Amino acid sequence: MPPAVAIAASWIGSAVASYIGLTGLAATIVGGVIAMGVNSIASSLFGFNEPPKNSASNSVNLNTTGAVNAIPVIYGLRRVGGTRLFIDTTNDNKNLHLVFAMAEGQVAGITWIYVNSEPAAIYDPTSAYTGSYSSELGAPDTAGFRYRSKFSGKLTVRWRDGSDTQDSITYLQLAVGTDKWSTNHKCSGVAILYVQLVYNTELYNGLPQITADIKGKKVTDTWDGTWTATDYDNPAWVLFDYLTNTRYGKGIDKSMLDKDSFIATKNYCNELVTMKDKDGNNISQKRYIANGHIDTSKTIIDNVKDILTSMNAFMVQSGGKYRVRCNKAETPSDFVFNEDNITGSWDIQLGSKTNRFNQTKITYFEPENSYQGNIFLVKDATYLAKDNNQVYERELVLPLTCDYARAAYIGRIVIMLVSSVPTTPNVIAAVFAVRLLVTVANLTVIVSPKMSF
């Protein structure tokens, strides 16, 4: 093995390779990344060198009012409160009518509706649901909603999924009159939720908080024009949707995206891997999924970073196209950099303890806790010992990750990635201008007798 290969390997090290399942020569050469035009993967894309941002504010769970409120984009499954669009009473103020804008459309579906955080109704038109509270649920109404017995006769729910061609809610028109909610009140392109509550002091006092579990955007593989229910939470397609959407995303043409890299990343995210749950038990599930919301009032780059965290990935631009790559072990390209083909200057960067850490404080958003932020620590005794038991901690917010096992999986890979960066001057962290026979972020070997490697 040439000395340059060992140098490349020292960036990340075999620990990461063994953790994500690569052995042999490929495991040795994990970290030689060409970083032309690419910032440090761990520091810039995950924001480790910046104060952590509250990327997934719990305010999305609340009912809000306002004519200019940002409408969230839901990806995967997420509980949201929505912006109140309409309020009225009928039947001598005994019936309360509320309409909420829940998310940008078109979404994949809706499941539970909650009144003051209590499960009240579920969309289950075929009575297929057999989980919690199933014994309390009545038969589906004409719109497919089933109500828990305590809410039966006291709650009515209707919704629209946010299609651009959706119609108005007829039930609401009949209840309040077309002078207040007409056939023109379609809210095209926005998923809306209507609830009618019959006054009952045992169930609620005052104006109740209404939330719902929304199955997010119908993320389409627009290269062939199809949508599959199994991939609506795939992070690669989520990123594709956000980058190309002209309503709430960047709106770039798909020709600027590298199709092969997005498909490869989609498949990598869908692979079943073994992870540890909270109790330390092995579980098998998809490597990465995206469950969360995008705040459309934030900048495009911040939202892209949020999406990338859900698949432990980074983006590069090469050959006029944007490519997405997950941080993972890969075999190097056949091309070797040497003094004959290096045409520009050298840029050698040293590792630094300010950019490495041996412990992460991870925040993810747990459904069992009403999607409130849950915090835990990922530690590594090996890297702590290498740092003379000096704790170097960084905070990592995973706004589109909603289960402990995946959050811990991501945290462990990232901590090994960063903690393995040496502080000695034999690390090439960025490589110079060359004849572009390899693409950005390819793994490669560098040979230079002058530099003693």
Protein backbone atom coordinates (compact mmCIF):
# COMPACT_ATOMS: atom_id res chain seq x y z
CA MET A 1 0.00 0.00 0.00
CA PRO A 2 1.53 3.37 -0.98
CA PRO A 3 2.12 5.79 1.90
CA ALA A 4 -0.42 8.18 0.36
CA VAL A 5 -3.13 5.61 0.85
CA ALA A 6 -2.42 5.48 4.56
CA ILE A 7 -2.63 9.25 4.70
CA ALA A 8 -6.02 9.22 3.07
CA ALA A 9 -7.17 6.49 5.41
CA SER A 10 -6.21 8.47 8.48
CA TRP A 11 -8.87 11.08 7.82
CA ILE A 12 -11.74 8.91 8.91
CA GLY A 13 -10.20 5.61 9.90
CA SER A 14 -11.28 2.00 9.85
CA ALA A 15 -13.64 2.46 12.81
CA VAL A 16 -16.20 4.20 10.63
CA ALA A 17 -15.79 1.58 7.92
CA SER A 18 -16.35 -1.31 10.28
CA TYR A 19 -19.37 0.40 11.84
CA ILE A 20 -21.08 0.80 8.48
CA GLY A 21 -20.03 -2.58 7.23
CA LEU A 22 -16.98 -2.29 4.95
CA THR A 23 -13.87 -4.40 5.32
CA GLY A 24 -10.54 -5.01 3.60
CA LEU A 25 -8.87 -2.46 1.35
CA ALA A 26 -12.09 -0.47 1.00
CA ALA A 27 -12.24 -0.15 4.77
CA THR A 28 -8.69 1.16 4.84
CA ILE A 29 -9.31 3.92 2.30
CA VAL A 30 -12.41 5.54 3.72
CA GLY A 31 -11.52 9.16 4.03
CA GLY A 32 -9.60 10.47 1.02
CA VAL A 33 -12.18 12.95 -0.20
CA ILE A 34 -11.34 15.51 -2.87
CA ALA A 35 -12.75 18.69 -1.46
CA MET A 36 -12.42 21.16 -4.33
CA GLY A 37 -15.12 23.70 -3.64
CA VAL A 38 -16.40 21.68 -0.69
CA ASN A 39 -16.23 22.84 2.91
CA SER A 40 -15.44 20.45 5.73
CA ILE A 41 -18.24 17.91 5.63
CA ALA A 42 -18.78 17.66 9.35
CA SER A 43 -18.37 21.31 10.27
CA SER A 44 -20.19 23.17 7.52
CA LEU A 45 -23.04 20.86 6.58
CA PHE A 46 -23.96 19.84 10.09
CA GLY A 47 -23.23 23.28 11.54
CA PHE A 48 -20.90 21.92 14.23
CA ASN A 49 -18.84 25.10 14.27
CA GLU A 50 -21.90 27.32 14.64
CA PRO A 51 -24.30 27.84 17.53
CA PRO A 52 -27.04 25.23 17.09
CA LYS A 53 -30.21 26.52 15.52
CA ASN A 54 -33.67 25.47 16.66
CA SER A 55 -34.39 23.91 13.29
CA ALA A 56 -37.61 22.23 14.37
CA SER A 57 -39.38 24.64 16.67
CA ASN A 58 -42.21 23.11 18.67
CA SER A 59 -44.40 26.03 17.55
CA VAL A 60 -45.41 23.90 14.56
CA ASN A 61 -47.52 21.89 17.04
CA LEU A 62 -49.53 24.96 18.04
CA ASN A 63 -52.60 26.59 16.51
CA THR A 64 -51.65 30.03 15.26
CA THR A 65 -53.42 32.92 13.54
CA GLY A 66 -52.17 35.43 11.00
CA ALA A 67 -52.64 36.35 7.36
CA VAL A 68 -48.94 36.03 6.47
CA ASN A 69 -47.93 32.96 8.45
CA ALA A 70 -45.54 30.61 6.66
CA ILE A 71 -47.21 27.32 5.72
CA PRO A 72 -44.94 24.38 6.63
CA VAL A 73 -43.89 21.70 4.18
CA ILE A 74 -44.38 18.28 5.79
CA TYR A 75 -42.18 15.39 4.73
CA GLY A 76 -42.75 11.90 6.02
CA LEU A 77 -45.04 11.83 9.07
CA ARG A 78 -45.36 14.81 11.42
CA ARG A 79 -47.88 16.19 13.92
CA VAL A 80 -48.81 19.80 13.22
CA GLY A 81 -51.23 22.39 14.55
CA GLY A 82 -51.82 24.65 11.60
CA THR A 83 -52.80 28.27 11.06
CA ARG A 84 -56.44 29.05 11.82
CA LEU A 85 -58.16 30.35 8.68
CA PHE A 86 -61.77 30.44 9.82
CA ILE A 87 -63.78 30.44 13.04
CA ASP A 88 -67.54 30.65 13.50
CA THR A 89 -70.33 29.40 15.75
CA THR A 90 -73.84 28.15 15.01
CA ASN A 91 -76.77 26.64 16.91
CA ASP A 92 -76.85 29.39 19.56
CA ASN A 93 -73.07 29.22 19.96
CA LYS A 94 -73.18 25.51 20.78
CA ASN A 95 -71.34 24.41 17.63
CA LEU A 96 -67.85 25.72 16.97
CA HIS A 97 -66.42 25.59 13.43
CA LEU A 98 -62.67 25.83 12.80
CA VAL A 99 -60.59 25.57 9.61
CA PHE A 100 -56.79 25.24 9.68
CA ALA A 101 -54.13 25.45 6.99
CA MET A 102 -51.97 22.44 7.86
CA ALA A 103 -49.32 22.11 5.17
CA GLU A 104 -48.31 22.77 1.60
CA GLY A 105 -50.05 20.26 -0.65
CA GLN A 106 -50.49 17.75 -2.02
CA VAL A 107 -49.90 15.53 0.99
CA ALA A 108 -50.08 11.74 1.13
CA GLY A 109 -52.68 11.43 3.89
CA ILE A 110 -53.90 12.11 7.41
CA THR A 111 -54.23 9.75 10.37
CA TRP A 112 -55.05 10.88 13.94
CA ILE A 113 -56.71 14.14 14.92
CA TYR A 114 -56.12 15.36 18.48
CA VAL A 115 -58.15 17.67 20.71
CA ASN A 116 -55.96 19.22 23.42
CA SER A 117 -53.36 16.50 22.68
CA GLU A 118 -55.88 13.69 23.22
CA PRO A 119 -56.51 11.29 20.31
CA ALA A 120 -60.08 11.98 19.16
CA ALA A 121 -60.57 10.68 15.63
CA ILE A 122 -58.70 8.80 12.92
CA TYR A 123 -59.07 8.68 9.16
CA ASP A 124 -59.75 4.99 8.63
CA PRO A 125 -62.38 4.50 5.91
CA THR A 126 -61.96 0.70 5.76
CA SER A 127 -61.81 0.14 9.56
CA ALA A 128 -58.35 -1.38 9.14
CA TYR A 129 -56.78 0.27 12.19
CA THR A 130 -56.12 -2.13 15.11
CA GLY A 131 -53.77 -0.11 17.31
CA SER A 132 -54.32 1.96 20.46
CA TYR A 133 -57.93 3.01 21.15
CA SER A 134 -59.23 0.74 18.35
CA SER A 135 -61.79 -0.80 20.71
CA GLU A 136 -63.24 2.68 21.35
CA LEU A 137 -63.65 3.62 17.70
CA GLY A 138 -67.02 3.65 15.98
CA ALA A 139 -67.79 2.93 12.34
CA PRO A 140 -66.42 5.32 9.69
CA ASP A 141 -68.62 8.31 8.86
CA THR A 142 -69.38 9.28 5.26
CA ALA A 143 -65.96 10.95 4.95
CA GLY A 144 -64.02 7.98 6.37
CA PHE A 145 -63.36 9.29 9.90
CA ARG A 146 -63.83 7.12 12.98
CA TYR A 147 -64.35 8.75 16.37
CA ARG A 148 -63.53 7.57 19.84
CA SER A 149 -66.71 6.92 21.82
CA LYS A 150 -66.19 9.91 24.14
CA PHE A 151 -66.07 12.23 21.10
CA SER A 152 -68.87 10.56 19.16
CA GLY A 153 -71.60 13.09 18.32
CA LYS A 154 -69.43 15.91 19.67
CA LEU A 155 -66.80 16.13 16.92
CA THR A 156 -66.94 16.13 13.12
CA VAL A 157 -63.84 16.22 10.91
CA ARG A 158 -63.33 16.90 7.21
CA TRP A 159 -60.16 17.65 5.29
CA ARG A 160 -58.60 18.29 1.89
CA ASP A 161 -55.15 17.03 0.92
CA GLY A 162 -53.91 20.18 -0.80
CA SER A 163 -54.41 19.23 -4.42
CA ASP A 164 -54.38 22.17 -6.83
CA THR A 165 -57.77 20.97 -8.06
CA GLN A 166 -59.47 20.23 -4.74
CA ASP A 167 -63.03 21.39 -4.11
CA SER A 168 -64.51 23.31 -1.19
CA ILE A 169 -65.73 21.47 1.93
CA THR A 170 -69.45 20.96 1.36
CA TYR A 171 -70.15 19.97 4.97
CA LEU A 172 -68.86 23.35 6.15
CA GLN A 173 -70.89 25.24 3.54
CA LEU A 174 -74.09 23.57 4.77
CA ALA A 175 -73.19 24.19 8.40
CA VAL A 176 -72.37 27.92 8.27
CA GLY A 177 -73.88 29.02 4.96
CA THR A 178 -72.30 29.78 1.61
CA ASP A 179 -72.14 33.47 2.49
CA LYS A 180 -69.40 32.57 4.98
CA TRP A 181 -67.78 29.56 3.24
CA SER A 182 -68.60 29.32 -0.43
CA THR A 183 -67.72 26.96 -3.27
CA ASN A 184 -64.85 29.33 -4.08
CA HIS A 185 -63.18 28.66 -0.71
CA LYS A 186 -61.06 25.80 -2.05
CA CYS A 187 -57.64 26.67 -0.56
CA SER A 188 -56.05 25.13 -3.65
CA GLY A 189 -52.57 23.77 -3.04
CA VAL A 190 -52.93 23.80 0.75
CA ALA A 191 -53.90 20.84 2.95
CA ILE A 192 -56.71 22.06 5.21
CA LEU A 193 -58.48 20.57 8.22
CA TYR A 194 -62.04 21.41 9.29
CA VAL A 195 -63.40 20.45 12.71
CA GLN A 196 -66.83 21.02 14.20
CA LEU A 197 -67.01 20.81 17.98
CA VAL A 198 -70.20 20.58 19.99
CA TYR A 199 -69.96 22.46 23.28
CA ASN A 200 -69.04 20.07 26.10
CA THR A 201 -67.31 21.23 29.27
CA GLU A 202 -66.14 17.68 30.08
CA LEU A 203 -64.07 17.53 26.89
CA TYR A 204 -62.80 21.10 26.56
CA ASN A 205 -63.12 24.54 28.03
CA GLY A 206 -62.43 27.55 25.89
CA LEU A 207 -60.83 27.25 22.46
CA PRO A 208 -59.18 23.81 22.21
CA GLN A 209 -55.85 23.05 20.55
CA ILE A 210 -56.34 20.96 17.41
CA THR A 211 -53.46 18.95 15.95
CA ALA A 212 -53.21 16.17 13.39
CA ASP A 213 -50.70 13.59 12.18
CA ILE A 214 -50.06 14.41 8.53
CA LYS A 215 -48.43 12.08 6.03
CA GLY A 216 -46.37 14.61 4.18
CA LYS A 217 -45.85 15.76 0.63
CA LYS A 218 -46.39 13.36 -2.21
CA VAL A 219 -42.75 13.29 -3.18
CA THR A 220 -42.59 12.42 -6.87
CA ASP A 221 -39.74 10.82 -8.77
CA THR A 222 -40.19 13.40 -11.49
CA TRP A 223 -37.67 11.74 -13.79
CA ASP A 224 -40.37 9.24 -14.72
CA GLY A 225 -43.41 11.08 -13.36
CA THR A 226 -44.53 8.57 -10.75
CA TRP A 227 -45.14 8.63 -7.04
CA THR A 228 -44.87 5.63 -4.75
CA ALA A 229 -46.27 5.52 -1.23
CA THR A 230 -43.18 3.71 0.03
CA ASP A 231 -40.82 6.55 -0.87
CA TYR A 232 -42.72 9.62 0.36
CA ASP A 233 -40.33 9.77 3.34
CA ASN A 234 -37.12 8.94 1.45
CA PRO A 235 -34.62 11.76 2.15
CA ALA A 236 -33.15 11.74 -1.37
CA TRP A 237 -36.57 12.32 -2.95
CA VAL A 238 -37.38 14.85 -0.22
CA LEU A 239 -34.26 16.81 -1.17
CA PHE A 240 -35.12 16.51 -4.87
CA ASP A 241 -38.63 17.82 -4.23
CA TYR A 242 -37.42 20.80 -2.21
CA LEU A 243 -34.70 21.75 -4.69
CA THR A 244 -37.02 21.62 -7.72
CA ASN A 245 -40.31 22.90 -6.30
CA THR A 246 -41.15 26.37 -7.61
CA ARG A 247 -43.75 27.18 -4.93
CA TYR A 248 -41.81 26.74 -1.68
CA GLY A 249 -38.38 25.39 -2.71
CA LYS A 250 -35.42 26.51 -4.77
CA GLY A 251 -37.16 25.94 -8.09
CA ILE A 252 -34.11 24.77 -10.03
CA ASP A 253 -34.53 22.69 -13.16
CA LYS A 254 -34.02 18.95 -12.69
CA SER A 255 -31.42 19.03 -15.46
CA MET A 256 -29.09 20.68 -12.93
CA LEU A 257 -29.30 17.64 -10.63
CA ASP A 258 -27.31 14.46 -11.12
CA LYS A 259 -29.92 11.73 -11.55
CA ASP A 260 -27.60 8.81 -10.77
CA SER A 261 -26.45 10.27 -7.45
CA PHE A 262 -30.02 10.87 -6.29
CA ILE A 263 -31.12 7.36 -7.24
CA ALA A 264 -28.05 5.81 -5.60
CA THR A 265 -28.69 7.82 -2.44
CA LYS A 266 -32.37 6.82 -2.46
CA ASN A 267 -31.40 3.15 -2.62
CA TYR A 268 -28.77 3.56 0.11
CA CYS A 269 -31.33 5.21 2.41
CA ASN A 270 -33.80 2.37 1.79
CA GLU A 271 -31.36 -0.39 2.74
CA LEU A 272 -32.27 -2.30 5.89
CA VAL A 273 -29.60 -2.04 8.59
CA THR A 274 -29.31 -3.14 12.21
CA MET A 275 -29.54 -0.40 14.85
CA LYS A 276 -29.92 -0.24 18.62
CA ASP A 277 -33.14 0.94 20.24
CA LYS A 278 -33.32 2.76 23.58
CA ASP A 279 -33.08 -0.52 25.47
CA GLY A 280 -30.03 -1.68 23.54
CA ASN A 281 -31.95 -4.25 21.49
CA ASN A 282 -31.09 -4.84 17.84
CA ILE A 283 -33.75 -3.70 15.38
CA SER A 284 -33.77 -3.80 11.58
CA GLN A 285 -35.13 -0.80 9.68
CA LYS A 286 -34.41 1.49 6.76
CA ARG A 287 -31.11 3.29 7.16
CA TYR A 288 -32.54 6.80 6.77
CA ILE A 289 -36.02 8.32 6.47
CA ALA A 290 -37.20 11.92 6.74
CA ASN A 291 -40.02 12.75 9.15
CA GLY A 292 -40.48 16.41 9.91
CA HIS A 293 -41.35 19.84 8.62
CA ILE A 294 -39.61 22.53 6.62
CA ASP A 295 -40.12 26.11 7.76
CA THR A 296 -40.67 28.06 4.54
CA SER A 297 -39.76 31.32 6.28
CA LYS A 298 -36.16 30.11 6.64
CA THR A 299 -33.47 30.40 3.98
CA ILE A 300 -33.13 27.78 1.26
CA ILE A 301 -29.63 26.79 2.41
CA ASP A 302 -30.73 26.27 6.03
CA ASN A 303 -33.60 24.04 4.92
CA VAL A 304 -31.30 22.06 2.63
CA LYS A 305 -28.94 21.51 5.56
CA ASP A 306 -31.86 20.30 7.67
CA ILE A 307 -32.81 17.76 5.00
CA LEU A 308 -29.21 16.59 4.60
CA THR A 309 -28.97 15.78 8.32
CA SER A 310 -31.72 13.18 7.93
CA MET A 311 -29.48 11.06 5.69
CA ASN A 312 -26.03 12.06 6.99
CA ALA A 313 -25.24 13.52 3.58
CA PHE A 314 -23.58 16.40 1.76
CA MET A 315 -23.95 18.06 -1.64
CA VAL A 316 -21.32 19.01 -4.18
CA GLN A 317 -21.37 20.62 -7.60
CA SER A 318 -19.41 18.96 -10.37
CA GLY A 319 -19.70 19.12 -14.14
CA GLY A 320 -22.49 21.66 -13.89
CA LYS A 321 -24.71 19.38 -11.79
CA TYR A 322 -25.49 19.09 -8.11
CA ARG A 323 -24.79 15.68 -6.60
CA VAL A 324 -25.83 14.27 -3.25
CA ARG A 325 -23.62 11.84 -1.34
CA CYS A 326 -24.11 10.12 2.00
CA ASN A 327 -21.13 9.94 4.33
CA LYS A 328 -20.19 6.29 3.95
CA ALA A 329 -17.29 3.97 3.25
CA GLU A 330 -16.44 3.66 -0.43
CA THR A 331 -13.71 2.16 -2.57
CA PRO A 332 -11.30 4.66 -4.17
CA SER A 333 -11.22 5.56 -7.84
CA ASP A 334 -8.54 4.02 -10.05
CA PHE A 335 -7.04 7.42 -10.75
CA VAL A 336 -3.88 8.35 -8.77
CA PHE A 337 -2.77 11.93 -8.17
CA ASN A 338 0.99 12.42 -8.59
CA GLU A 339 3.46 15.15 -9.45
CA ASP A 340 2.92 14.63 -13.18
CA ASN A 341 -0.80 15.42 -13.18
CA ILE A 342 -1.07 17.96 -10.36
CA THR A 343 -1.17 21.25 -12.26
CA GLY A 344 -1.94 23.75 -9.52
CA SER A 345 -0.84 24.73 -6.04
CA TRP A 346 -1.06 22.57 -2.95
CA ASP A 347 -3.36 23.37 -0.09
CA ILE A 348 -2.52 21.27 2.95
CA GLN A 349 -4.73 21.78 5.98
CA LEU A 350 -4.00 20.44 9.42
CA GLY A 351 -6.50 18.76 11.67
CA SER A 352 -7.52 20.76 14.73
CA LYS A 353 -9.10 19.89 18.05
CA THR A 354 -11.43 22.84 17.56
CA ASN A 355 -13.06 20.92 14.70
CA ARG A 356 -13.25 17.53 16.38
CA PHE A 357 -15.16 16.13 19.31
CA ASN A 358 -15.66 12.90 21.19
CA GLN A 359 -19.21 13.46 22.40
CA THR A 360 -22.38 14.76 20.77
CA LYS A 361 -25.55 16.11 22.34
CA ILE A 362 -28.26 15.04 19.93
CA THR A 363 -31.76 16.47 19.65
CA TYR A 364 -34.42 14.56 17.74
CA PHE A 365 -38.21 14.81 17.74
CA GLU A 366 -40.10 11.86 19.19
CA PRO A 367 -43.69 10.97 18.22
CA GLU A 368 -44.34 9.34 21.60
CA ASN A 369 -43.57 12.70 23.18
CA SER A 370 -45.86 14.69 20.84
CA TYR A 371 -42.82 15.48 18.67
CA GLN A 372 -41.19 17.52 21.40
CA GLY A 373 -37.40 17.68 21.28
CA ASN A 374 -35.69 14.76 23.00
CA ILE A 375 -32.01 15.09 23.95
CA PHE A 376 -29.42 12.39 24.63
CA LEU A 377 -25.64 11.99 24.49
CA VAL A 378 -23.55 9.83 22.17
CA LYS A 379 -20.15 9.13 23.68
CA ASP A 380 -17.11 7.16 22.59
CA ALA A 381 -14.61 6.03 25.20
CA THR A 382 -11.94 5.27 22.58
CA TYR A 383 -11.80 8.79 21.24
CA LEU A 384 -12.16 10.26 24.71
CA ALA A 385 -9.05 8.36 25.77
CA LYS A 386 -7.18 9.65 22.70
CA ASP A 387 -8.03 13.17 23.86
CA ASN A 388 -6.61 12.45 27.34
CA ASN A 389 -10.14 12.19 28.75
CA GLN A 390 -10.85 15.80 27.83
CA VAL A 391 -14.48 16.06 26.73
CA TYR A 392 -15.06 17.89 23.45
CA GLU A 393 -18.80 18.19 22.90
CA ARG A 394 -20.89 19.52 20.06
CA GLU A 395 -24.64 19.81 19.70
CA LEU A 396 -26.37 18.17 16.77
CA VAL A 397 -30.02 18.92 15.93
CA LEU A 398 -31.75 16.40 13.65
CA PRO A 399 -34.99 18.19 12.72
CA LEU A 400 -36.23 15.48 10.34
CA THR A 401 -35.28 12.47 12.47
CA CYS A 402 -37.99 11.16 14.78
CA ASP A 403 -36.69 7.97 16.35
CA TYR A 404 -33.89 7.23 18.79
CA ALA A 405 -32.30 4.39 16.83
CA ARG A 406 -31.63 6.47 13.70
CA ALA A 407 -30.55 9.50 15.71
CA ALA A 408 -28.01 7.38 17.59
CA TYR A 409 -26.89 5.72 14.35
CA ILE A 410 -26.22 9.09 12.73
CA GLY A 411 -24.55 10.44 15.87
CA ARG A 412 -22.18 7.51 16.14
CA ILE A 413 -21.04 7.72 12.52
CA VAL A 414 -20.52 11.47 12.74
CA ILE A 415 -18.57 11.31 15.98
CA MET A 416 -16.24 8.68 14.51
CA LEU A 417 -15.89 10.70 11.32
CA VAL A 418 -14.80 13.85 13.13
CA SER A 419 -12.91 12.30 16.04
CA SER A 420 -10.65 10.33 13.70
CA VAL A 421 -9.20 13.46 12.09
CA PRO A 422 -5.53 13.62 13.19
CA THR A 423 -3.94 16.82 14.45
CA THR A 424 -0.57 16.09 12.82
CA PRO A 425 0.45 17.78 9.54
CA ASN A 426 0.14 14.63 7.38
CA VAL A 427 -3.50 15.08 6.46
CA ILE A 428 -4.54 16.41 3.11
CA ALA A 429 -7.95 17.95 3.79
CA ALA A 430 -8.28 19.78 0.49
CA VAL A 431 -6.72 19.13 -2.87
CA PHE A 432 -5.67 21.64 -5.50
CA ALA A 433 -6.58 22.24 -9.10
CA VAL A 434 -6.02 19.20 -11.31
CA ARG A 435 -7.14 17.78 -14.60
CA LEU A 436 -10.65 16.69 -13.72
CA LEU A 437 -10.41 12.94 -14.30
CA VAL A 438 -12.29 12.35 -11.05
CA THR A 439 -15.36 14.10 -9.73
CA VAL A 440 -15.82 16.11 -6.57
CA ALA A 441 -15.99 13.91 -3.45
CA ASN A 442 -14.41 10.89 -5.14
CA LEU A 443 -11.98 8.90 -3.03
CA THR A 444 -8.50 8.84 -4.49
CA VAL A 445 -4.80 8.12 -3.82
CA ILE A 446 -2.09 10.79 -3.76
CA VAL A 447 1.60 10.02 -4.34
CA SER A 448 4.35 12.64 -3.90
CA PRO A 449 7.96 11.77 -3.03
CA LYS A 450 8.70 15.48 -2.53
CA MET A 451 6.14 15.62 0.25
CA SER A 452 7.29 12.23 1.62
CA PHE A 453 4.06 10.42 0.88
